[in-house]
Amino acid sequence: KAPFIAAYKGVPVRLARPGEDYAAGLVVPVRGGAPADPVVPADAV
């Protein structure tokens, strides 16, 4: 229904559309507020 963050550096974030080419964009992973040591251990995922 909506992207995980509403805006990035003041610009609204929109959802991806299947078939569109986004290769020209800079790929930016967003860490978020999750703890560095997750509750679910690594071998579970």
All heavy atoms as atom14 arrays in JSON, in Angstrom:
{
  "sequence": "KAPFIAAYKGVPVRLARPGEDYAAGLVVPVRGGAPADPVVPADAV",
  "atom14_mask": [
    [1, 1, 1, 1, 1, 1, 1, 1, 1, 0, 0, 0, 0, 0],
    [1, 1, 1, 1, 1, 0, 0, 0, 0, 0, 0, 0, 0, 0],
    [1, 1, 1, 1, 1, 1, 1, 0, 0, 0, 0, 0, 0, 0],
    [1, 1, 1, 1, 1, 1, 1, 1, 1, 1, 1, 0, 0, 0],
    [1, 1, 1, 1, 1, 1, 1, 1, 0, 0, 0, 0, 0, 0],
    [1, 1, 1, 1, 1, 0, 0, 0, 0, 0, 0, 0, 0, 0],
    [1, 1, 1, 1, 1, 0, 0, 0, 0, 0, 0, 0, 0, 0],
    [1, 1, 1, 1, 1, 1, 1, 1, 1, 1, 1, 1, 0, 0],
    [1, 1, 1, 1, 1, 1, 1, 1, 1, 0, 0, 0, 0, 0],
    [1, 1, 1, 1, 0, 0, 0, 0, 0, 0, 0, 0, 0, 0],
    [1, 1, 1, 1, 1, 1, 1, 0, 0, 0, 0, 0, 0, 0],
    [1, 1, 1, 1, 1, 1, 1, 0, 0, 0, 0, 0, 0, 0],
    [1, 1, 1, 1, 1, 1, 1, 0, 0, 0, 0, 0, 0, 0],
    [1, 1, 1, 1, 1, 1, 1, 1, 1, 1, 1, 0, 0, 0],
    [1, 1, 1, 1, 1, 1, 1, 1, 0, 0, 0, 0, 0, 0],
    [1, 1, 1, 1, 1, 0, 0, 0, 0, 0, 0, 0, 0, 0],
    [1, 1, 1, 1, 1, 1, 1, 1, 1, 1, 1, 0, 0, 0],
    [1, 1, 1, 1, 1, 1, 1, 0, 0, 0, 0, 0, 0, 0],
    [1, 1, 1, 1, 0, 0, 0, 0, 0, 0, 0, 0, 0, 0],
    [1, 1, 1, 1, 1, 1, 1, 1, 1, 0, 0, 0, 0, 0],
    [1, 1, 1, 1, 1, 1, 1, 1, 0, 0, 0, 0, 0, 0],
    [1, 1, 1, 1, 1, 1, 1, 1, 1, 1, 1, 1, 0, 0],
    [1, 1, 1, 1, 1, 0, 0, 0, 0, 0, 0, 0, 0, 0],
    [1, 1, 1, 1, 1, 0, 0, 0, 0, 0, 0, 0, 0, 0],
    [1, 1, 1, 1, 0, 0, 0, 0, 0, 0, 0, 0, 0, 0],
    [1, 1, 1, 1, 1, 1, 1, 1, 0, 0, 0, 0, 0, 0],
    [1, 1, 1, 1, 1, 1, 1, 0, 0, 0, 0, 0, 0, 0],
    [1, 1, 1, 1, 1, 1, 1, 0, 0, 0, 0, 0, 0, 0],
    [1, 1, 1, 1, 1, 1, 1, 0, 0, 0, 0, 0, 0, 0],
    [1, 1, 1, 1, 1, 1, 1, 0, 0, 0, 0, 0, 0, 0],
    [1, 1, 1, 1, 1, 1, 1, 1, 1, 1, 1, 0, 0, 0],
    [1, 1, 1, 1, 0, 0, 0, 0, 0, 0, 0, 0, 0, 0],
    [1, 1, 1, 1, 0, 0, 0, 0, 0, 0, 0, 0, 0, 0],
    [1, 1, 1, 1, 1, 0, 0, 0, 0, 0, 0, 0, 0, 0],
    [1, 1, 1, 1, 1, 1, 1, 0, 0, 0, 0, 0, 0, 0],
    [1, 1, 1, 1, 1, 0, 0, 0, 0, 0, 0, 0, 0, 0],
    [1, 1, 1, 1, 1, 1, 1, 1, 0, 0, 0, 0, 0, 0],
    [1, 1, 1, 1, 1, 1, 1, 0, 0, 0, 0, 0, 0, 0],
    [1, 1, 1, 1, 1, 1, 1, 0, 0, 0, 0, 0, 0, 0],
    [1, 1, 1, 1, 1, 1, 1, 0, 0, 0, 0, 0, 0, 0],
    [1, 1, 1, 1, 1, 1, 1, 0, 0, 0, 0, 0, 0, 0],
    [1, 1, 1, 1, 1, 0, 0, 0, 0, 0, 0, 0, 0, 0],
    [1, 1, 1, 1, 1, 1, 1, 1, 0, 0, 0, 0, 0, 0],
    [1, 1, 1, 1, 1, 0, 0, 0, 0, 0, 0, 0, 0, 0],
    [1, 1, 1, 1, 1, 1, 1, 0, 0, 0, 0, 0, 0, 0]
  ],
  "atom14_positions": [
    [[0.82, -1.22, 0.0], [0.0, 0.0, 0.0], [0.85, 1.26, 0.0], [0.51, 2.25, -0.66], [-0.93, 0.0, 1.22], [-2.01, -1.08, 1.17], [-2.92, -0.98, 2.38], [-4.02, -2.04, 2.32], [-4.93, -1.96, 3.5], [0.0, 0.0, 0.0], [0.0, 0.0, 0.0], [0.0, 0.0, 0.0], [0.0, 0.0, 0.0], [0.0, 0.0, 0.0]],
    [[1.93, 1.26, 0.76], [2.76, 2.46, 0.87], [4.2, 2.05, 1.1], [4.48, 0.99, 1.68], [2.27, 3.33, 2.03], [0.0, 0.0, 0.0], [0.0, 0.0, 0.0], [0.0, 0.0, 0.0], [0.0, 0.0, 0.0], [0.0, 0.0, 0.0], [0.0, 0.0, 0.0], [0.0, 0.0, 0.0], [0.0, 0.0, 0.0], [0.0, 0.0, 0.0]],
    [[5.16, 2.85, 0.65], [6.58, 2.53, 0.87], [6.94, 2.58, 2.35], [6.24, 3.21, 3.15], [7.31, 3.61, 0.07], [6.34, 4.72, -0.07], [4.99, 4.09, -0.13], [0.0, 0.0, 0.0], [0.0, 0.0, 0.0], [0.0, 0.0, 0.0], [0.0, 0.0, 0.0], [0.0, 0.0, 0.0], [0.0, 0.0, 0.0], [0.0, 0.0, 0.0]],
    [[8.04, 1.9, 2.7], [8.41, 1.79, 4.11], [8.81, 3.13, 4.71], [8.79, 3.3, 5.92], [9.52, 0.76, 4.29], [10.84, 1.14, 3.68], [11.85, 1.71, 4.44], [11.09, 0.92, 2.32], [13.08, 2.05, 3.89], [12.31, 1.27, 1.76], [13.3, 1.84, 2.53], [0.0, 0.0, 0.0], [0.0, 0.0, 0.0], [0.0, 0.0, 0.0]],
    [[9.24, 4.1, 3.88], [9.44, 5.47, 4.34], [8.73, 6.39, 3.36], [8.71, 6.14, 2.15], [10.93, 5.86, 4.46], [11.68, 5.63, 3.15], [11.59, 5.12, 5.61], [13.1, 6.16, 3.17], [0.0, 0.0, 0.0], [0.0, 0.0, 0.0], [0.0, 0.0, 0.0], [0.0, 0.0, 0.0], [0.0, 0.0, 0.0], [0.0, 0.0, 0.0]],
    [[8.14, 7.44, 3.88], [7.34, 8.33, 3.04], [8.21, 9.23, 2.17], [7.84, 9.54, 1.03], [6.42, 9.18, 3.91], [0.0, 0.0, 0.0], [0.0, 0.0, 0.0], [0.0, 0.0, 0.0], [0.0, 0.0, 0.0], [0.0, 0.0, 0.0], [0.0, 0.0, 0.0], [0.0, 0.0, 0.0], [0.0, 0.0, 0.0], [0.0, 0.0, 0.0]],
    [[9.36, 9.67, 2.7], [10.2, 10.6, 1.95], [11.66, 10.35, 2.25], [12.02, 9.84, 3.32], [9.82, 12.04, 2.29], [0.0, 0.0, 0.0], [0.0, 0.0, 0.0], [0.0, 0.0, 0.0], [0.0, 0.0, 0.0], [0.0, 0.0, 0.0], [0.0, 0.0, 0.0], [0.0, 0.0, 0.0], [0.0, 0.0, 0.0], [0.0, 0.0, 0.0]],
    [[12.52, 10.72, 1.29], [13.96, 10.62, 1.44], [14.57, 11.95, 1.02], [14.4, 12.39, -0.12], [14.51, 9.48, 0.56], [16.0, 9.33, 0.58], [16.64, 8.7, 1.64], [16.78, 9.83, -0.47], [18.03, 8.56, 1.66], [18.17, 9.69, -0.46], [18.79, 9.05, 0.61], [20.15, 8.92, 0.62], [0.0, 0.0, 0.0], [0.0, 0.0, 0.0]],
    [[15.23, 12.61, 1.97], [15.81, 13.94, 1.74], [14.76, 14.91, 1.18], [15.02, 15.7, 0.26], [17.01, 13.86, 0.79], [18.22, 13.14, 1.4], [19.43, 13.22, 0.5], [20.65, 12.57, 1.16], [21.87, 12.67, 0.32], [0.0, 0.0, 0.0], [0.0, 0.0, 0.0], [0.0, 0.0, 0.0], [0.0, 0.0, 0.0], [0.0, 0.0, 0.0]],
    [[13.55, 14.81, 1.74], [12.48, 15.72, 1.36], [11.73, 15.35, 0.11], [10.77, 16.04, -0.27], [0.0, 0.0, 0.0], [0.0, 0.0, 0.0], [0.0, 0.0, 0.0], [0.0, 0.0, 0.0], [0.0, 0.0, 0.0], [0.0, 0.0, 0.0], [0.0, 0.0, 0.0], [0.0, 0.0, 0.0], [0.0, 0.0, 0.0], [0.0, 0.0, 0.0]],
    [[12.13, 14.26, -0.56], [11.48, 13.85, -1.8], [10.57, 12.65, -1.52], [11.02, 11.67, -0.92], [12.52, 13.48, -2.88], [11.83, 13.0, -4.15], [13.41, 14.67, -3.18], [0.0, 0.0, 0.0], [0.0, 0.0, 0.0], [0.0, 0.0, 0.0], [0.0, 0.0, 0.0], [0.0, 0.0, 0.0], [0.0, 0.0, 0.0], [0.0, 0.0, 0.0]],
    [[9.29, 12.7, -1.92], [8.39, 11.57, -1.69], [8.92, 10.28, -2.35], [9.44, 10.3, -3.45], [7.08, 12.02, -2.33], [7.16, 13.5, -2.37], [8.61, 13.83, -2.58], [0.0, 0.0, 0.0], [0.0, 0.0, 0.0], [0.0, 0.0, 0.0], [0.0, 0.0, 0.0], [0.0, 0.0, 0.0], [0.0, 0.0, 0.0], [0.0, 0.0, 0.0]],
    [[8.79, 9.17, -1.63], [9.2, 7.87, -2.14], [7.99, 7.17, -2.77], [6.91, 7.16, -2.18], [9.78, 7.0, -1.01], [10.15, 5.61, -1.54], [11.0, 7.67, -0.39], [0.0, 0.0, 0.0], [0.0, 0.0, 0.0], [0.0, 0.0, 0.0], [0.0, 0.0, 0.0], [0.0, 0.0, 0.0], [0.0, 0.0, 0.0], [0.0, 0.0, 0.0]],
    [[8.15, 6.64, -3.95], [7.06, 5.9, -4.59], [7.43, 4.43, -4.73], [8.6, 4.05, -4.65], [6.7, 6.5, -5.95], [7.76, 6.38, -7.03], [7.25, 6.99, -8.32], [8.21, 6.9, -9.41], [8.31, 5.86, -10.23], [7.52, 4.79, -10.07], [9.21, 5.85, -11.21], [0.0, 0.0, 0.0], [0.0, 0.0, 0.0], [0.0, 0.0, 0.0]],
    [[6.41, 3.62, -4.93], [6.6, 2.17, -5.07], [7.1, 1.83, -6.47], [6.84, 2.55, -7.44], [5.28, 1.45, -4.78], [4.7, 1.66, -3.38], [3.3, 1.06, -3.31], [5.6, 1.02, -2.32], [0.0, 0.0, 0.0], [0.0, 0.0, 0.0], [0.0, 0.0, 0.0], [0.0, 0.0, 0.0], [0.0, 0.0, 0.0], [0.0, 0.0, 0.0]],
    [[7.79, 0.7, -6.57], [8.31, 0.25, -7.86], [7.19, -0.29, -8.73], [6.22, -0.88, -8.24], [9.37, -0.82, -7.65], [0.0, 0.0, 0.0], [0.0, 0.0, 0.0], [0.0, 0.0, 0.0], [0.0, 0.0, 0.0], [0.0, 0.0, 0.0], [0.0, 0.0, 0.0], [0.0, 0.0, 0.0], [0.0, 0.0, 0.0], [0.0, 0.0, 0.0]],
    [[7.33, -0.09, -10.02], [6.37, -0.62, -11.0], [7.05, -1.74, -11.78], [8.15, -1.57, -12.3], [5.92, 0.48, -11.96], [5.16, 1.62, -11.3], [4.57, 2.55, -12.36], [3.88, 3.67, -11.76], [4.39, 4.88, -11.61], [5.64, 5.12, -12.01], [3.7, 5.87, -11.07], [0.0, 0.0, 0.0], [0.0, 0.0, 0.0], [0.0, 0.0, 0.0]],
    [[6.41, -2.9, -11.86], [7.01, -4.02, -12.59], [7.33, -3.64, -14.03], [6.55, -2.98, -14.7], [5.93, -5.1, -12.53], [5.11, -4.74, -11.34], [5.12, -3.24, -11.27], [0.0, 0.0, 0.0], [0.0, 0.0, 0.0], [0.0, 0.0, 0.0], [0.0, 0.0, 0.0], [0.0, 0.0, 0.0], [0.0, 0.0, 0.0], [0.0, 0.0, 0.0]],
    [[8.5, -4.04, -14.49], [8.89, -3.8, -15.86], [9.63, -2.5, -16.08], [10.22, -2.31, -17.15], [0.0, 0.0, 0.0], [0.0, 0.0, 0.0], [0.0, 0.0, 0.0], [0.0, 0.0, 0.0], [0.0, 0.0, 0.0], [0.0, 0.0, 0.0], [0.0, 0.0, 0.0], [0.0, 0.0, 0.0], [0.0, 0.0, 0.0], [0.0, 0.0, 0.0]],
    [[9.63, -1.58, -15.1], [10.35, -0.32, -15.27], [11.84, -0.5, -14.99], [12.24, -1.34, -14.19], [9.77, 0.75, -14.35], [8.42, 1.27, -14.79], [8.05, 2.57, -14.1], [8.84, 3.04, -13.24], [6.97, 3.12, -14.4], [0.0, 0.0, 0.0], [0.0, 0.0, 0.0], [0.0, 0.0, 0.0], [0.0, 0.0, 0.0], [0.0, 0.0, 0.0]],
    [[12.64, 0.28, -15.66], [14.1, 0.22, -15.53], [14.57, 1.32, -14.59], [14.39, 2.51, -14.88], [14.75, 0.38, -16.9], [16.27, 0.2, -16.86], [16.79, -0.16, -15.78], [16.91, 0.41, -17.9], [0.0, 0.0, 0.0], [0.0, 0.0, 0.0], [0.0, 0.0, 0.0], [0.0, 0.0, 0.0], [0.0, 0.0, 0.0], [0.0, 0.0, 0.0]],
    [[15.16, 0.9, -13.47], [15.65, 1.86, -12.49], [17.17, 1.85, -12.4], [17.76, 2.27, -11.41], [15.05, 1.56, -11.11], [13.53, 1.6, -11.09], [12.79, 0.44, -10.83], [12.86, 2.78, -11.32], [11.4, 0.49, -10.81], [11.46, 2.83, -11.3], [10.75, 1.68, -11.05], [9.38, 1.74, -11.04], [0.0, 0.0, 0.0], [0.0, 0.0, 0.0]],
    [[17.81, 1.37, -13.46], [19.27, 1.22, -13.44], [19.98, 2.56, -13.31], [21.13, 2.61, -12.83], [19.74, 0.49, -14.69], [0.0, 0.0, 0.0], [0.0, 0.0, 0.0], [0.0, 0.0, 0.0], [0.0, 0.0, 0.0], [0.0, 0.0, 0.0], [0.0, 0.0, 0.0], [0.0, 0.0, 0.0], [0.0, 0.0, 0.0], [0.0, 0.0, 0.0]],
    [[19.35, 3.64, -13.73], [20.01, 4.95, -13.67], [20.06, 5.52, -12.27], [20.81, 6.46, -11.99], [19.29, 5.94, -14.6], [0.0, 0.0, 0.0], [0.0, 0.0, 0.0], [0.0, 0.0, 0.0], [0.0, 0.0, 0.0], [0.0, 0.0, 0.0], [0.0, 0.0, 0.0], [0.0, 0.0, 0.0], [0.0, 0.0, 0.0], [0.0, 0.0, 0.0]],
    [[19.28, 4.95, -11.35], [19.25, 5.46, -10.0], [20.4, 4.94, -9.15], [20.98, 3.88, -9.42], [0.0, 0.0, 0.0], [0.0, 0.0, 0.0], [0.0, 0.0, 0.0], [0.0, 0.0, 0.0], [0.0, 0.0, 0.0], [0.0, 0.0, 0.0], [0.0, 0.0, 0.0], [0.0, 0.0, 0.0], [0.0, 0.0, 0.0], [0.0, 0.0, 0.0]],
    [[20.74, 5.7, -8.13], [21.75, 5.27, -7.17], [21.08, 4.36, -6.14], [20.11, 4.74, -5.49], [22.35, 6.49, -6.46], [23.33, 6.2, -5.32], [24.59, 5.52, -5.86], [23.68, 7.48, -4.56], [0.0, 0.0, 0.0], [0.0, 0.0, 0.0], [0.0, 0.0, 0.0], [0.0, 0.0, 0.0], [0.0, 0.0, 0.0], [0.0, 0.0, 0.0]],
    [[21.58, 3.14, -6.01], [21.0, 2.16, -5.07], [21.47, 2.51, -3.66], [22.68, 2.52, -3.38], [21.4, 0.73, -5.45], [20.87, -0.26, -4.42], [20.88, 0.39, -6.84], [0.0, 0.0, 0.0], [0.0, 0.0, 0.0], [0.0, 0.0, 0.0], [0.0, 0.0, 0.0], [0.0, 0.0, 0.0], [0.0, 0.0, 0.0], [0.0, 0.0, 0.0]],
    [[20.5, 2.76, -2.79], [20.81, 3.17, -1.42], [20.08, 2.25, -0.43], [18.86, 2.32, -0.3], [20.38, 4.63, -1.17], [20.67, 5.03, 0.28], [21.08, 5.57, -2.13], [0.0, 0.0, 0.0], [0.0, 0.0, 0.0], [0.0, 0.0, 0.0], [0.0, 0.0, 0.0], [0.0, 0.0, 0.0], [0.0, 0.0, 0.0], [0.0, 0.0, 0.0]],
    [[20.79, 1.36, 0.27], [20.17, 0.57, 1.33], [19.88, 1.47, 2.55], [20.69, 2.33, 2.89], [21.21, -0.5, 1.67], [22.23, -0.41, 0.58], [22.19, 0.99, 0.07], [0.0, 0.0, 0.0], [0.0, 0.0, 0.0], [0.0, 0.0, 0.0], [0.0, 0.0, 0.0], [0.0, 0.0, 0.0], [0.0, 0.0, 0.0], [0.0, 0.0, 0.0]],
    [[18.75, 1.24, 3.19], [18.36, 2.03, 4.36], [18.38, 1.11, 5.58], [17.63, 0.13, 5.64], [16.96, 2.64, 4.17], [16.56, 3.43, 5.41], [16.93, 3.53, 2.93], [0.0, 0.0, 0.0], [0.0, 0.0, 0.0], [0.0, 0.0, 0.0], [0.0, 0.0, 0.0], [0.0, 0.0, 0.0], [0.0, 0.0, 0.0], [0.0, 0.0, 0.0]],
    [[19.24, 1.44, 6.54], [19.41, 0.57, 7.69], [18.18, 0.47, 8.56], [17.78, -0.58, 9.01], [20.6, 1.05, 8.54], [20.96, 0.05, 9.64], [21.88, 0.64, 10.67], [22.25, -0.36, 11.65], [21.45, -0.8, 12.62], [20.21, -0.34, 12.72], [21.85, -1.73, 13.46], [0.0, 0.0, 0.0], [0.0, 0.0, 0.0], [0.0, 0.0, 0.0]],
    [[17.54, 1.59, 8.81], [16.36, 1.58, 9.67], [16.75, 1.54, 11.14], [17.92, 1.65, 11.51], [0.0, 0.0, 0.0], [0.0, 0.0, 0.0], [0.0, 0.0, 0.0], [0.0, 0.0, 0.0], [0.0, 0.0, 0.0], [0.0, 0.0, 0.0], [0.0, 0.0, 0.0], [0.0, 0.0, 0.0], [0.0, 0.0, 0.0], [0.0, 0.0, 0.0]],
    [[15.74, 1.36, 11.99], [15.98, 1.4, 13.43], [16.08, 0.05, 14.1], [16.0, -0.03, 15.34], [0.0, 0.0, 0.0], [0.0, 0.0, 0.0], [0.0, 0.0, 0.0], [0.0, 0.0, 0.0], [0.0, 0.0, 0.0], [0.0, 0.0, 0.0], [0.0, 0.0, 0.0], [0.0, 0.0, 0.0], [0.0, 0.0, 0.0], [0.0, 0.0, 0.0]],
    [[16.23, -1.04, 13.34], [16.33, -2.38, 13.93], [17.62, -2.51, 14.73], [18.63, -1.89, 14.39], [16.27, -3.45, 12.85], [0.0, 0.0, 0.0], [0.0, 0.0, 0.0], [0.0, 0.0, 0.0], [0.0, 0.0, 0.0], [0.0, 0.0, 0.0], [0.0, 0.0, 0.0], [0.0, 0.0, 0.0], [0.0, 0.0, 0.0], [0.0, 0.0, 0.0]],
    [[17.62, -3.34, 15.78], [18.84, -3.51, 16.59], [19.94, -4.2, 15.8], [19.67, -4.99, 14.88], [18.36, -4.38, 17.76], [17.16, -5.11, 17.24], [16.49, -4.15, 16.29], [0.0, 0.0, 0.0], [0.0, 0.0, 0.0], [0.0, 0.0, 0.0], [0.0, 0.0, 0.0], [0.0, 0.0, 0.0], [0.0, 0.0, 0.0], [0.0, 0.0, 0.0]],
    [[21.18, -3.91, 16.16], [22.31, -4.54, 15.48], [22.36, -6.04, 15.74], [22.87, -6.81, 14.92], [23.61, -3.89, 15.94], [0.0, 0.0, 0.0], [0.0, 0.0, 0.0], [0.0, 0.0, 0.0], [0.0, 0.0, 0.0], [0.0, 0.0, 0.0], [0.0, 0.0, 0.0], [0.0, 0.0, 0.0], [0.0, 0.0, 0.0], [0.0, 0.0, 0.0]],
    [[21.82, -6.46, 16.88], [21.77, -7.87, 17.24], [20.31, -8.31, 17.23], [19.62, -8.23, 18.25], [22.4, -8.1, 18.62], [22.52, -9.58, 18.96], [22.37, -10.42, 18.04], [22.75, -9.9, 20.15], [0.0, 0.0, 0.0], [0.0, 0.0, 0.0], [0.0, 0.0, 0.0], [0.0, 0.0, 0.0], [0.0, 0.0, 0.0], [0.0, 0.0, 0.0]],
    [[19.79, -8.77, 16.09], [18.37, -9.11, 16.0], [17.98, -10.25, 16.93], [18.81, -11.09, 17.3], [18.21, -9.51, 14.53], [19.38, -8.94, 13.82], [20.49, -8.94, 14.82], [0.0, 0.0, 0.0], [0.0, 0.0, 0.0], [0.0, 0.0, 0.0], [0.0, 0.0, 0.0], [0.0, 0.0, 0.0], [0.0, 0.0, 0.0], [0.0, 0.0, 0.0]],
    [[16.69, -10.29, 17.26], [16.17, -11.37, 18.1], [16.25, -12.7, 17.36], [16.59, -13.73, 17.94], [14.71, -11.07, 18.53], [14.15, -12.23, 19.34], [14.65, -9.78, 19.32], [0.0, 0.0, 0.0], [0.0, 0.0, 0.0], [0.0, 0.0, 0.0], [0.0, 0.0, 0.0], [0.0, 0.0, 0.0], [0.0, 0.0, 0.0], [0.0, 0.0, 0.0]],
    [[15.94, -12.69, 16.09], [15.98, -13.92, 15.28], [17.42, -14.17, 14.84], [18.02, -13.34, 14.15], [15.07, -13.78, 14.04], [15.14, -15.05, 13.19], [13.63, -13.51, 14.46], [0.0, 0.0, 0.0], [0.0, 0.0, 0.0], [0.0, 0.0, 0.0], [0.0, 0.0, 0.0], [0.0, 0.0, 0.0], [0.0, 0.0, 0.0], [0.0, 0.0, 0.0]],
    [[18.02, -15.3, 15.22], [19.44, -15.54, 14.92], [19.69, -15.79, 13.44], [18.78, -16.09, 12.67], [19.77, -16.78, 15.76], [18.46, -17.46, 15.97], [17.43, -16.38, 16.02], [0.0, 0.0, 0.0], [0.0, 0.0, 0.0], [0.0, 0.0, 0.0], [0.0, 0.0, 0.0], [0.0, 0.0, 0.0], [0.0, 0.0, 0.0], [0.0, 0.0, 0.0]],
    [[20.96, -15.71, 13.06], [21.34, -15.78, 11.65], [20.99, -17.12, 11.02], [20.59, -17.17, 9.84], [22.83, -15.51, 11.51], [0.0, 0.0, 0.0], [0.0, 0.0, 0.0], [0.0, 0.0, 0.0], [0.0, 0.0, 0.0], [0.0, 0.0, 0.0], [0.0, 0.0, 0.0], [0.0, 0.0, 0.0], [0.0, 0.0, 0.0], [0.0, 0.0, 0.0]],
    [[21.14, -18.23, 11.74], [20.89, -19.52, 11.11], [19.41, -19.78, 10.88], [19.05, -20.74, 10.19], [21.5, -20.66, 11.93], [20.9, -20.79, 13.32], [20.88, -19.79, 14.04], [20.46, -21.9, 13.69], [0.0, 0.0, 0.0], [0.0, 0.0, 0.0], [0.0, 0.0, 0.0], [0.0, 0.0, 0.0], [0.0, 0.0, 0.0], [0.0, 0.0, 0.0]],
    [[18.53, -18.92, 11.41], [17.1, -19.05, 11.16], [16.7, -18.39, 9.85], [15.6, -18.63, 9.34], [16.3, -18.44, 12.31], [0.0, 0.0, 0.0], [0.0, 0.0, 0.0], [0.0, 0.0, 0.0], [0.0, 0.0, 0.0], [0.0, 0.0, 0.0], [0.0, 0.0, 0.0], [0.0, 0.0, 0.0], [0.0, 0.0, 0.0], [0.0, 0.0, 0.0]],
    [[17.59, -17.57, 9.28], [17.23, -16.8, 8.09], [18.17, -17.04, 6.91], [17.93, -16.54, 5.82], [17.2, -15.29, 8.41], [16.17, -15.0, 9.48], [18.56, -14.77, 8.84], [0.0, 0.0, 0.0], [0.0, 0.0, 0.0], [0.0, 0.0, 0.0], [0.0, 0.0, 0.0], [0.0, 0.0, 0.0], [0.0, 0.0, 0.0], [0.0, 0.0, 0.0]]
  ]
}
